[in-house]
C-alpha atoms as a PDB file:
ATOM      1  CA  MET A   1       0.166  -0.088   0.000  1.00  0.00           C
ATOM      2  CA  THR A   2       1.286   3.427  -0.935  1.00  0.00           C
ATOM      3  CA  VAL A   3       0.115   6.315   1.485  1.00  0.00           C
ATOM      4  CA  PRO A   4      -0.358   9.503  -0.784  1.00  0.00           C
ATOM      5  CA  THR A   5       1.924  12.353  -0.824  1.00  0.00           C
ATOM      6  CA  PRO A   6       0.373  14.977   1.540  1.00  0.00           C
ATOM      7  CA  THR A   7       0.197  18.717   0.239  1.00  0.00           C
ATOM      8  CA  PRO A   8       3.266  21.053   1.703  1.00  0.00           C
ATOM      9  CA  PRO A   9       2.064  23.032   4.426  1.00  0.00           C
ATOM     10  CA  SER A  10       1.948  26.839   4.124  1.00  0.00           C
ATOM     11  CA  GLY A  11       4.388  29.266   5.736  1.00  0.00           C
ATOM     12  CA  HIS A  12       3.719  30.061   9.675  1.00  0.00           C
ATOM     13  CA  GLY A  13       6.720  32.594   9.968  1.00  0.00           C
ATOM     14  CA  LEU A  14       8.871  29.994  11.536  1.00  0.00           C
ATOM     15  CA  LEU A  15      11.804  31.861  10.472  1.00  0.00           C
ATOM     16  CA  ARG A  16      10.642  35.452   9.996  1.00  0.00           C
ATOM     17  CA  ALA A  17      13.414  38.033  10.135  1.00  0.00           C
ATOM     18  CA  LYS A  18      16.148  35.270  10.141  1.00  0.00           C
ATOM     19  CA  THR A  19      19.076  34.810   7.789  1.00  0.00           C
ATOM     20  CA  VAL A  20      19.866  31.743   6.269  1.00  0.00           C
ATOM     21  CA  VAL A  21      22.705  30.367   4.179  1.00  0.00           C
ATOM     22  CA  VAL A  22      22.316  26.929   2.316  1.00  0.00           C
ATOM     23  CA  THR A  23      24.767  24.998   0.554  1.00  0.00           C
ATOM     24  CA  ALA A  24      24.313  22.870  -2.537  1.00  0.00           C
ATOM     25  CA  ALA A  25      21.008  24.485  -3.303  1.00  0.00           C
ATOM     26  CA  ALA A  26      20.894  24.340  -6.818  1.00  0.00           C
ATOM     27  CA  GLY A  27      18.855  21.544  -8.570  1.00  0.00           C
ATOM     28  CA  THR A  28      15.912  19.524  -7.504  1.00  0.00           C
ATOM     29  CA  GLY A  29      17.043  18.051  -3.990  1.00  0.00           C
ATOM     30  CA  ILE A  30      17.061  18.672  -0.497  1.00  0.00           C
ATOM     31  CA  GLY A  31      19.028  21.990  -0.894  1.00  0.00           C
ATOM     32  CA  PHE A  32      16.529  23.821  -2.985  1.00  0.00           C
ATOM     33  CA  ALA A  33      13.728  22.369  -1.158  1.00  0.00           C
ATOM     34  CA  VAL A  34      15.104  23.824   2.151  1.00  0.00           C
ATOM     35  CA  ALA A  35      15.927  27.095   0.846  1.00  0.00           C
ATOM     36  CA  LYS A  36      12.486  27.466  -0.585  1.00  0.00           C
ATOM     37  CA  ARG A  37      10.819  26.357   2.744  1.00  0.00           C
ATOM     38  CA  CYS A  38      13.084  28.730   4.449  1.00  0.00           C
ATOM     39  CA  VAL A  39      11.972  31.706   2.197  1.00  0.00           C
ATOM     40  CA  GLU A  40       8.352  30.646   2.784  1.00  0.00           C
ATOM     41  CA  GLU A  41       8.638  30.723   6.366  1.00  0.00           C
ATOM     42  CA  GLY A  42      10.017  34.197   6.218  1.00  0.00           C
ATOM     43  CA  ALA A  43      13.653  34.191   5.952  1.00  0.00           C
ATOM     44  CA  ARG A  44      16.043  35.990   3.794  1.00  0.00           C
ATOM     45  CA  VAL A  45      18.174  33.171   2.351  1.00  0.00           C
ATOM     46  CA  LEU A  46      21.521  33.168   0.347  1.00  0.00           C
ATOM     47  CA  ILE A  47      22.123  30.040  -1.628  1.00  0.00           C
ATOM     48  CA  SER A  48      25.381  28.583  -2.671  1.00  0.00           C
ATOM     49  CA  ASP A  49      26.546  25.802  -5.079  1.00  0.00           C
ATOM     50  CA  LEU A  50      29.205  24.612  -7.314  1.00  0.00           C
ATOM     51  CA  HIS A  51      27.090  24.505 -10.482  1.00  0.00           C
ATOM     52  CA  GLU A  52      26.939  28.097 -11.619  1.00  0.00           C
ATOM     53  CA  ARG A  53      23.806  27.655 -14.501  1.00  0.00           C
ATOM     54  CA  ARG A  54      21.837  25.547 -11.752  1.00  0.00           C
ATOM     55  CA  LEU A  55      22.470  27.955  -9.012  1.00  0.00           C
ATOM     56  CA  GLY A  56      21.180  30.886 -11.304  1.00  0.00           C
ATOM     57  CA  GLU A  57      18.074  28.924 -11.893  1.00  0.00           C
ATOM     58  CA  ALA A  58      17.654  28.183  -8.440  1.00  0.00           C
ATOM     59  CA  ALA A  59      18.020  31.822  -7.478  1.00  0.00           C
ATOM     60  CA  ALA A  60      15.638  32.823 -10.004  1.00  0.00           C
ATOM     61  CA  LYS A  61      12.808  30.249  -8.841  1.00  0.00           C
ATOM     62  CA  LEU A  62      13.397  31.382  -5.313  1.00  0.00           C
ATOM     63  CA  ALA A  63      12.811  34.910  -6.411  1.00  0.00           C
ATOM     64  CA  ASP A  64       9.624  34.060  -7.957  1.00  0.00           C
ATOM     65  CA  ALA A  65       8.397  32.502  -4.747  1.00  0.00           C
ATOM     66  CA  SER A  66       9.344  35.234  -2.602  1.00  0.00           C
ATOM     67  CA  GLY A  67       9.041  38.344  -4.758  1.00  0.00           C
ATOM     68  CA  ARG A  68      12.244  39.656  -4.171  1.00  0.00           C
ATOM     69  CA  LEU A  69      15.813  38.865  -4.847  1.00  0.00           C
ATOM     70  CA  ALA A  70      17.537  35.746  -3.835  1.00  0.00           C
ATOM     71  CA  PRO A  71      21.326  36.183  -3.437  1.00  0.00           C
ATOM     72  CA  SER A  72      23.574  33.355  -4.588  1.00  0.00           C
ATOM     73  CA  LEU A  73      27.422  32.772  -4.292  1.00  0.00           C
ATOM     74  CA  LEU A  74      29.431  30.161  -6.019  1.00  0.00           C
ATOM     75  CA  CYS A  75      31.254  27.897  -3.556  1.00  0.00           C
ATOM     76  CA  ASN A  76      33.222  24.655  -3.744  1.00  0.00           C
ATOM     77  CA  VAL A  77      32.830  23.253  -0.288  1.00  0.00           C
ATOM     78  CA  THR A  78      36.291  21.300  -0.537  1.00  0.00           C
ATOM     79  CA  ARG A  79      38.260  24.481  -0.845  1.00  0.00           C
ATOM     80  CA  GLN A  80      38.851  26.255   2.571  1.00  0.00           C
ATOM     81  CA  GLU A  81      39.449  29.666   0.462  1.00  0.00           C
ATOM     82  CA  GLU A  82      36.028  29.348  -1.185  1.00  0.00           C
ATOM     83  CA  VAL A  83      34.282  28.419   2.147  1.00  0.00           C
ATOM     84  CA  ASP A  84      35.637  31.391   3.829  1.00  0.00           C
ATOM     85  CA  ALA A  85      34.673  33.676   1.086  1.00  0.00           C
ATOM     86  CA  LEU A  86      31.241  32.462   0.984  1.00  0.00           C
ATOM     87  CA  ILE A  87      30.761  33.024   4.860  1.00  0.00           C
ATOM     88  CA  ALA A  88      32.383  36.688   4.256  1.00  0.00           C
ATOM     89  CA  GLY A  89      30.203  37.262   1.367  1.00  0.00           C
ATOM     90  CA  ALA A  90      26.977  36.096   3.036  1.00  0.00           C
ATOM     91  CA  ILE A  91      27.582  38.402   5.963  1.00  0.00           C
ATOM     92  CA  ASP A  92      28.203  41.420   3.698  1.00  0.00           C
ATOM     93  CA  GLU A  93      24.915  40.479   1.986  1.00  0.00           C
ATOM     94  CA  LEU A  94      22.811  39.748   4.900  1.00  0.00           C
ATOM     95  CA  GLY A  95      24.230  41.654   7.442  1.00  0.00           C
ATOM     96  CA  HIS A  96      24.554  38.371   9.661  1.00  0.00           C
ATOM     97  CA  ILE A  97      23.918  34.919   9.448  1.00  0.00           C
ATOM     98  CA  ASP A  98      21.550  33.313  11.751  1.00  0.00           C
ATOM     99  CA  VAL A  99      21.293  29.982  10.183  1.00  0.00           C
ATOM    100  CA  LEU A 100      23.794  27.705   8.291  1.00  0.00           C
ATOM    101  CA  ILE A 101      22.446  24.562   6.604  1.00  0.00           C
ATOM    102  CA  ASN A 102      25.067  22.280   5.418  1.00  0.00           C
ATOM    103  CA  ASN A 103      23.585  20.349   2.687  1.00  0.00           C
ATOM    104  CA  ALA A 104      26.590  19.278   0.346  1.00  0.00           C
ATOM    105  CA  GLY A 105      27.094  15.843  -0.033  1.00  0.00           C
ATOM    106  CA  LEU A 106      28.085  13.266  -2.713  1.00  0.00           C
ATOM    107  CA  GLY A 107      27.363   9.584  -2.928  1.00  0.00           C
ATOM    108  CA  GLY A 108      28.079   6.912  -5.406  1.00  0.00           C
ATOM    109  CA  PHE A 109      28.164   2.889  -5.482  1.00  0.00           C
ATOM    110  CA  ALA A 110      31.481   1.029  -5.123  1.00  0.00           C
ATOM    111  CA  PRO A 111      31.847  -2.427  -3.171  1.00  0.00           C
ATOM    112  CA  VAL A 112      34.660  -1.913  -0.709  1.00  0.00           C
ATOM    113  CA  ALA A 113      37.115  -4.264  -2.200  1.00  0.00           C
ATOM    114  CA  GLU A 114      36.994  -2.284  -5.878  1.00  0.00           C
ATOM    115  CA  MET A 115      36.927   1.039  -4.240  1.00  0.00           C
ATOM    116  CA  THR A 116      39.562   3.458  -5.117  1.00  0.00           C
ATOM    117  CA  ASP A 117      41.384   5.861  -2.723  1.00  0.00           C
ATOM    118  CA  ALA A 118      40.105   8.519  -4.974  1.00  0.00           C
ATOM    119  CA  GLN A 119      36.396   7.515  -4.795  1.00  0.00           C
ATOM    120  CA  TRP A 120      36.749   7.047  -0.832  1.00  0.00           C
ATOM    121  CA  HIS A 121      38.373  10.795  -0.280  1.00  0.00           C
ATOM    122  CA  THR A 122      36.244  12.493  -2.697  1.00  0.00           C
ATOM    123  CA  VAL A 123      33.026  11.190  -0.946  1.00  0.00           C
ATOM    124  CA  LEU A 124      34.396  11.939   2.440  1.00  0.00           C
ATOM    125  CA  ASP A 125      35.740  15.503   1.572  1.00  0.00           C
ATOM    126  CA  VAL A 126      32.416  16.703   0.098  1.00  0.00           C
ATOM    127  CA  THR A 127      30.152  14.986   2.479  1.00  0.00           C
ATOM    128  CA  LEU A 128      31.814  15.071   5.796  1.00  0.00           C
ATOM    129  CA  THR A 129      35.069  17.288   5.768  1.00  0.00           C
ATOM    130  CA  SER A 130      32.833  20.092   3.912  1.00  0.00           C
ATOM    131  CA  VAL A 131      30.539  20.126   7.138  1.00  0.00           C
ATOM    132  CA  PHE A 132      33.881  20.790   8.988  1.00  0.00           C
ATOM    133  CA  ARG A 133      34.966  23.680   6.988  1.00  0.00           C
ATOM    134  CA  MET A 134      31.934  25.334   6.896  1.00  0.00           C
ATOM    135  CA  THR A 135      31.137  24.912  10.613  1.00  0.00           C
ATOM    136  CA  ARG A 136      34.800  26.008  11.459  1.00  0.00           C
ATOM    137  CA  ALA A 137      34.083  29.227   9.119  1.00  0.00           C
ATOM    138  CA  VAL A 138      30.765  30.476  10.615  1.00  0.00           C
ATOM    139  CA  LEU A 139      31.337  29.621  14.488  1.00  0.00           C
ATOM    140  CA  PRO A 140      33.481  32.727  15.357  1.00  0.00           C
ATOM    141  CA  HIS A 141      30.561  34.812  13.752  1.00  0.00           C
ATOM    142  CA  MET A 142      27.749  32.952  15.412  1.00  0.00           C
ATOM    143  CA  THR A 143      29.527  32.659  18.906  1.00  0.00           C
ATOM    144  CA  GLY A 144      30.457  36.424  18.868  1.00  0.00           C
ATOM    145  CA  ARG A 145      26.807  37.192  18.225  1.00  0.00           C
ATOM    146  CA  GLY A 146      25.996  34.887  20.972  1.00  0.00           C
ATOM    147  CA  ARG A 147      23.350  32.874  19.056  1.00  0.00           C
ATOM    148  CA  GLY A 148      22.931  30.897  15.827  1.00  0.00           C
ATOM    149  CA  ALA A 149      21.963  27.667  14.558  1.00  0.00           C
ATOM    150  CA  ILE A 150      23.624  24.731  12.168  1.00  0.00           C
ATOM    151  CA  VAL A 151      21.463  21.953  10.667  1.00  0.00           C
ATOM    152  CA  ASN A 152      23.463  19.345   8.963  1.00  0.00           C
ATOM    153  CA  ASN A 153      22.160  16.685   6.593  1.00  0.00           C
ATOM    154  CA  ALA A 154      23.072  13.174   7.473  1.00  0.00           C
ATOM    155  CA  SER A 155      21.552   9.962   6.570  1.00  0.00           C
ATOM    156  CA  VAL A 156      19.889   6.905   8.038  1.00  0.00           C
ATOM    157  CA  LEU A 157      22.976   4.881   6.405  1.00  0.00           C
ATOM    158  CA  GLY A 158      25.053   6.291   9.278  1.00  0.00           C
ATOM    159  CA  TRP A 159      23.095   3.839  11.259  1.00  0.00           C
ATOM    160  CA  ARG A 160      22.208   1.381   8.879  1.00  0.00           C
ATOM    161  CA  ALA A 161      24.112  -0.907   6.177  1.00  0.00           C
ATOM    162  CA  GLN A 162      23.820  -1.014   2.688  1.00  0.00           C
ATOM    163  CA  PRO A 163      26.071  -2.823   0.125  1.00  0.00           C
ATOM    164  CA  GLY A 164      28.047  -0.489  -1.941  1.00  0.00           C
ATOM    165  CA  GLN A 165      27.843   2.666   0.404  1.00  0.00           C
ATOM    166  CA  ALA A 166      30.843   2.200   2.782  1.00  0.00           C
ATOM    167  CA  HIS A 167      32.226   5.487   1.798  1.00  0.00           C
ATOM    168  CA  TYR A 168      28.857   7.338   1.847  1.00  0.00           C
ATOM    169  CA  ALA A 169      27.717   5.748   5.205  1.00  0.00           C
ATOM    170  CA  ALA A 170      31.107   6.352   6.862  1.00  0.00           C
ATOM    171  CA  ALA A 171      30.931  10.129   5.966  1.00  0.00           C
ATOM    172  CA  LYS A 172      27.287  10.415   7.130  1.00  0.00           C
ATOM    173  CA  ALA A 173      28.072   8.772  10.345  1.00  0.00           C
ATOM    174  CA  GLY A 174      30.899  11.024  10.588  1.00  0.00           C
ATOM    175  CA  VAL A 175      28.435  13.956  10.165  1.00  0.00           C
ATOM    176  CA  MET A 176      26.418  12.882  13.120  1.00  0.00           C
ATOM    177  CA  ALA A 177      29.330  12.339  15.681  1.00  0.00           C
ATOM    178  CA  PHE A 178      30.884  15.782  14.274  1.00  0.00           C
ATOM    179  CA  THR A 179      27.411  17.154  15.013  1.00  0.00           C
ATOM    180  CA  ARG A 180      27.168  15.799  18.413  1.00  0.00           C
ATOM    181  CA  CYS A 181      30.776  17.116  19.342  1.00  0.00           C
ATOM    182  CA  ALA A 182      30.677  20.504  17.829  1.00  0.00           C
ATOM    183  CA  ALA A 183      27.323  21.074  19.407  1.00  0.00           C
ATOM    184  CA  MET A 184      28.733  20.539  23.127  1.00  0.00           C
ATOM    185  CA  GLU A 185      31.485  23.243  22.113  1.00  0.00           C
ATOM    186  CA  ALA A 186      29.262  25.602  20.835  1.00  0.00           C
ATOM    187  CA  ALA A 187      26.375  25.370  23.260  1.00  0.00           C
ATOM    188  CA  GLU A 188      28.025  27.886  26.067  1.00  0.00           C
ATOM    189  CA  SER A 189      27.932  30.606  23.345  1.00  0.00           C
ATOM    190  CA  GLY A 190      24.397  29.972  22.642  1.00  0.00           C
ATOM    191  CA  VAL A 191      24.916  28.288  19.218  1.00  0.00           C
ATOM    192  CA  ARG A 192      22.638  25.087  18.539  1.00  0.00           C
ATOM    193  CA  ILE A 193      24.027  22.307  16.154  1.00  0.00           C
ATOM    194  CA  ASN A 194      21.703  19.539  14.923  1.00  0.00           C
ATOM    195  CA  ALA A 195      21.268  17.179  11.920  1.00  0.00           C
ATOM    196  CA  VAL A 196      18.472  15.430  10.158  1.00  0.00           C
ATOM    197  CA  SER A 197      18.907  11.721   8.894  1.00  0.00           C
ATOM    198  CA  PRO A 198      16.712  11.217   5.817  1.00  0.00           C
ATOM    199  CA  SER A 199      16.086   7.654   4.663  1.00  0.00           C
ATOM    200  CA  LEU A 200      15.021   8.456   0.869  1.00  0.00           C
ATOM    201  CA  ALA A 201      14.028  11.469  -0.487  1.00  0.00           C
ATOM    202  CA  MET A 202      13.247  11.090  -4.272  1.00  0.00           C
ATOM    203  CA  HIS A 203      14.640  13.812  -6.610  1.00  0.00           C
ATOM    204  CA  GLU A 204      15.757  13.953 -10.130  1.00  0.00           C
ATOM    205  CA  PHE A 205      19.506  13.889  -9.460  1.00  0.00           C
ATOM    206  CA  LEU A 206      19.115  10.794  -7.213  1.00  0.00           C
ATOM    207  CA  SER A 207      17.773   8.499  -9.984  1.00  0.00           C
ATOM    208  CA  LYS A 208      20.562   9.258 -12.342  1.00  0.00           C
ATOM    209  CA  VAL A 209      23.344   7.848  -9.827  1.00  0.00           C
ATOM    210  CA  THR A 210      21.900   5.091  -8.237  1.00  0.00           C
ATOM    211  CA  PRO A 211      22.062   1.588  -9.657  1.00  0.00           C
ATOM    212  CA  ASP A 212      18.896   0.140 -11.648  1.00  0.00           C
ATOM    213  CA  GLY A 213      16.390  -1.712  -9.180  1.00  0.00           C
ATOM    214  CA  LEU A 214      17.771  -0.140  -6.056  1.00  0.00           C
ATOM    215  CA  LEU A 215      15.566   3.031  -5.649  1.00  0.00           C
ATOM    216  CA  GLU A 216      12.521   0.368  -6.017  1.00  0.00           C
ATOM    217  CA  GLU A 217      13.933  -1.953  -3.400  1.00  0.00           C
ATOM    218  CA  LEU A 218      14.571   1.242  -1.002  1.00  0.00           C
ATOM    219  CA  VAL A 219      10.830   2.464  -1.461  1.00  0.00           C
ATOM    220  CA  GLY A 220       9.759  -1.122  -0.523  1.00  0.00           C
ATOM    221  CA  ARG A 221      11.397  -0.693   2.681  1.00  0.00           C
ATOM    222  CA  GLU A 222       9.476   2.497   3.575  1.00  0.00           C
ATOM    223  CA  ALA A 223       6.281   2.169   5.955  1.00  0.00           C
ATOM    224  CA  PHE A 224       4.435   4.548   3.543  1.00  0.00           C
ATOM    225  CA  GLY A 225       5.243   2.739   0.684  1.00  0.00           C
ATOM    226  CA  ARG A 226       6.838   5.889  -0.946  1.00  0.00           C
ATOM    227  CA  ALA A 227       9.997   7.979  -0.717  1.00  0.00           C
ATOM    228  CA  ALA A 228       9.875  11.192   0.930  1.00  0.00           C
ATOM    229  CA  GLU A 229       9.391  14.413  -0.989  1.00  0.00           C
ATOM    230  CA  PRO A 230      12.389  16.687  -0.391  1.00  0.00           C
ATOM    231  CA  TRP A 231      10.062  19.390   1.251  1.00  0.00           C
ATOM    232  CA  GLU A 232       9.390  16.675   3.769  1.00  0.00           C
ATOM    233  CA  VAL A 233      12.975  16.633   4.851  1.00  0.00           C
ATOM    234  CA  ALA A 234      13.189  20.396   4.474  1.00  0.00           C
ATOM    235  CA  ASN A 235      10.304  20.899   6.960  1.00  0.00           C
ATOM    236  CA  VAL A 236      12.266  19.014   9.530  1.00  0.00           C
ATOM    237  CA  MET A 237      15.423  21.400   8.887  1.00  0.00           C
ATOM    238  CA  VAL A 238      13.370  24.392   9.238  1.00  0.00           C
ATOM    239  CA  PHE A 239      11.945  23.270  12.619  1.00  0.00           C
ATOM    240  CA  LEU A 240      15.699  22.651  13.741  1.00  0.00           C
ATOM    241  CA  ALA A 241      16.750  25.941  12.612  1.00  0.00           C
ATOM    242  CA  SER A 242      13.700  27.624  14.161  1.00  0.00           C
ATOM    243  CA  ASP A 243      13.194  28.846  17.661  1.00  0.00           C
ATOM    244  CA  TYR A 244      10.576  25.909  18.445  1.00  0.00           C
ATOM    245  CA  ALA A 245      13.743  23.754  18.533  1.00  0.00           C
ATOM    246  CA  SER A 246      15.527  26.269  21.036  1.00  0.00           C
ATOM    247  CA  TYR A 247      16.154  23.367  23.497  1.00  0.00           C
ATOM    248  CA  MET A 248      17.965  20.950  21.048  1.00  0.00           C
ATOM    249  CA  THR A 249      21.346  20.633  20.244  1.00  0.00           C
ATOM    250  CA  GLY A 250      23.754  17.658  19.182  1.00  0.00           C
ATOM    251  CA  GLU A 251      20.626  15.798  18.057  1.00  0.00           C
ATOM    252  CA  VAL A 252      20.184  13.925  14.985  1.00  0.00           C
ATOM    253  CA  VAL A 253      16.561  13.446  14.223  1.00  0.00           C
ATOM    254  CA  ALA A 254      15.542  10.881  11.656  1.00  0.00           C
ATOM    255  CA  VAL A 255      13.260  11.840   8.757  1.00  0.00           C
ATOM    256  CA  SER A 256      12.142   8.181   7.562  1.00  0.00           C
ATOM    257  CA  SER A 257       9.239   5.945   7.514  1.00  0.00           C
ATOM    258  CA  GLN A 258      11.577   2.817   7.084  1.00  0.00           C
ATOM    259  CA  HIS A 259      10.674  -0.351   8.953  1.00  0.00           C
ATOM    260  CA  ALA A 260      13.056  -1.070  12.046  1.00  0.00           C
END
């Protein structure tokens, strides 16, 4: 049985007057969905991505949704100088940063016995080390203001096993552990750091990089009989970014209907 996909809820001002920076926000995945939900919840949002054309298209879509310019900056999250430039540029554009959403990640399929060093290091660099770089860059700004929220995108693969995903699963487990440890360090300065852990959010790019038959198998594991829509994951990220989650830090929240 497949439970029908609900209609996205309307905005309720959860992020009214807040400023948000989202990485990997071009395209059709969770990054764009959370940027759009933040706009709908009243935030001023700056989006970033590595892909210039897709980033421009995403900014235009956000402008249509909000009725105002959606600023954007190119950034390769594997390069510290570009990460630093993104944070500095966002502060110049927005005045300050209330929320950072670390969404950048890279998957792929490779059995351990066949995985190259390059495959391993690339996935960990984009998926895990980028979270460290972005957090390190923004924390002085947030701790100096005595407030702020960081939301990281992890995965249920940080807890569960799936063949061919050792590099991605290790990276996402690292995101979870990093989230918990960084949150303890930032708490005394009033900065909260949490993560979401989606199971399966369907979007166009995912189908292009997933082996034949695997998506159908993964959908079959979901209690609702369908994958999540990216906006359903984004809703939980918005909650963690909002003042409704003021007493939550170091938490990893599953956004999943997978059977235990």
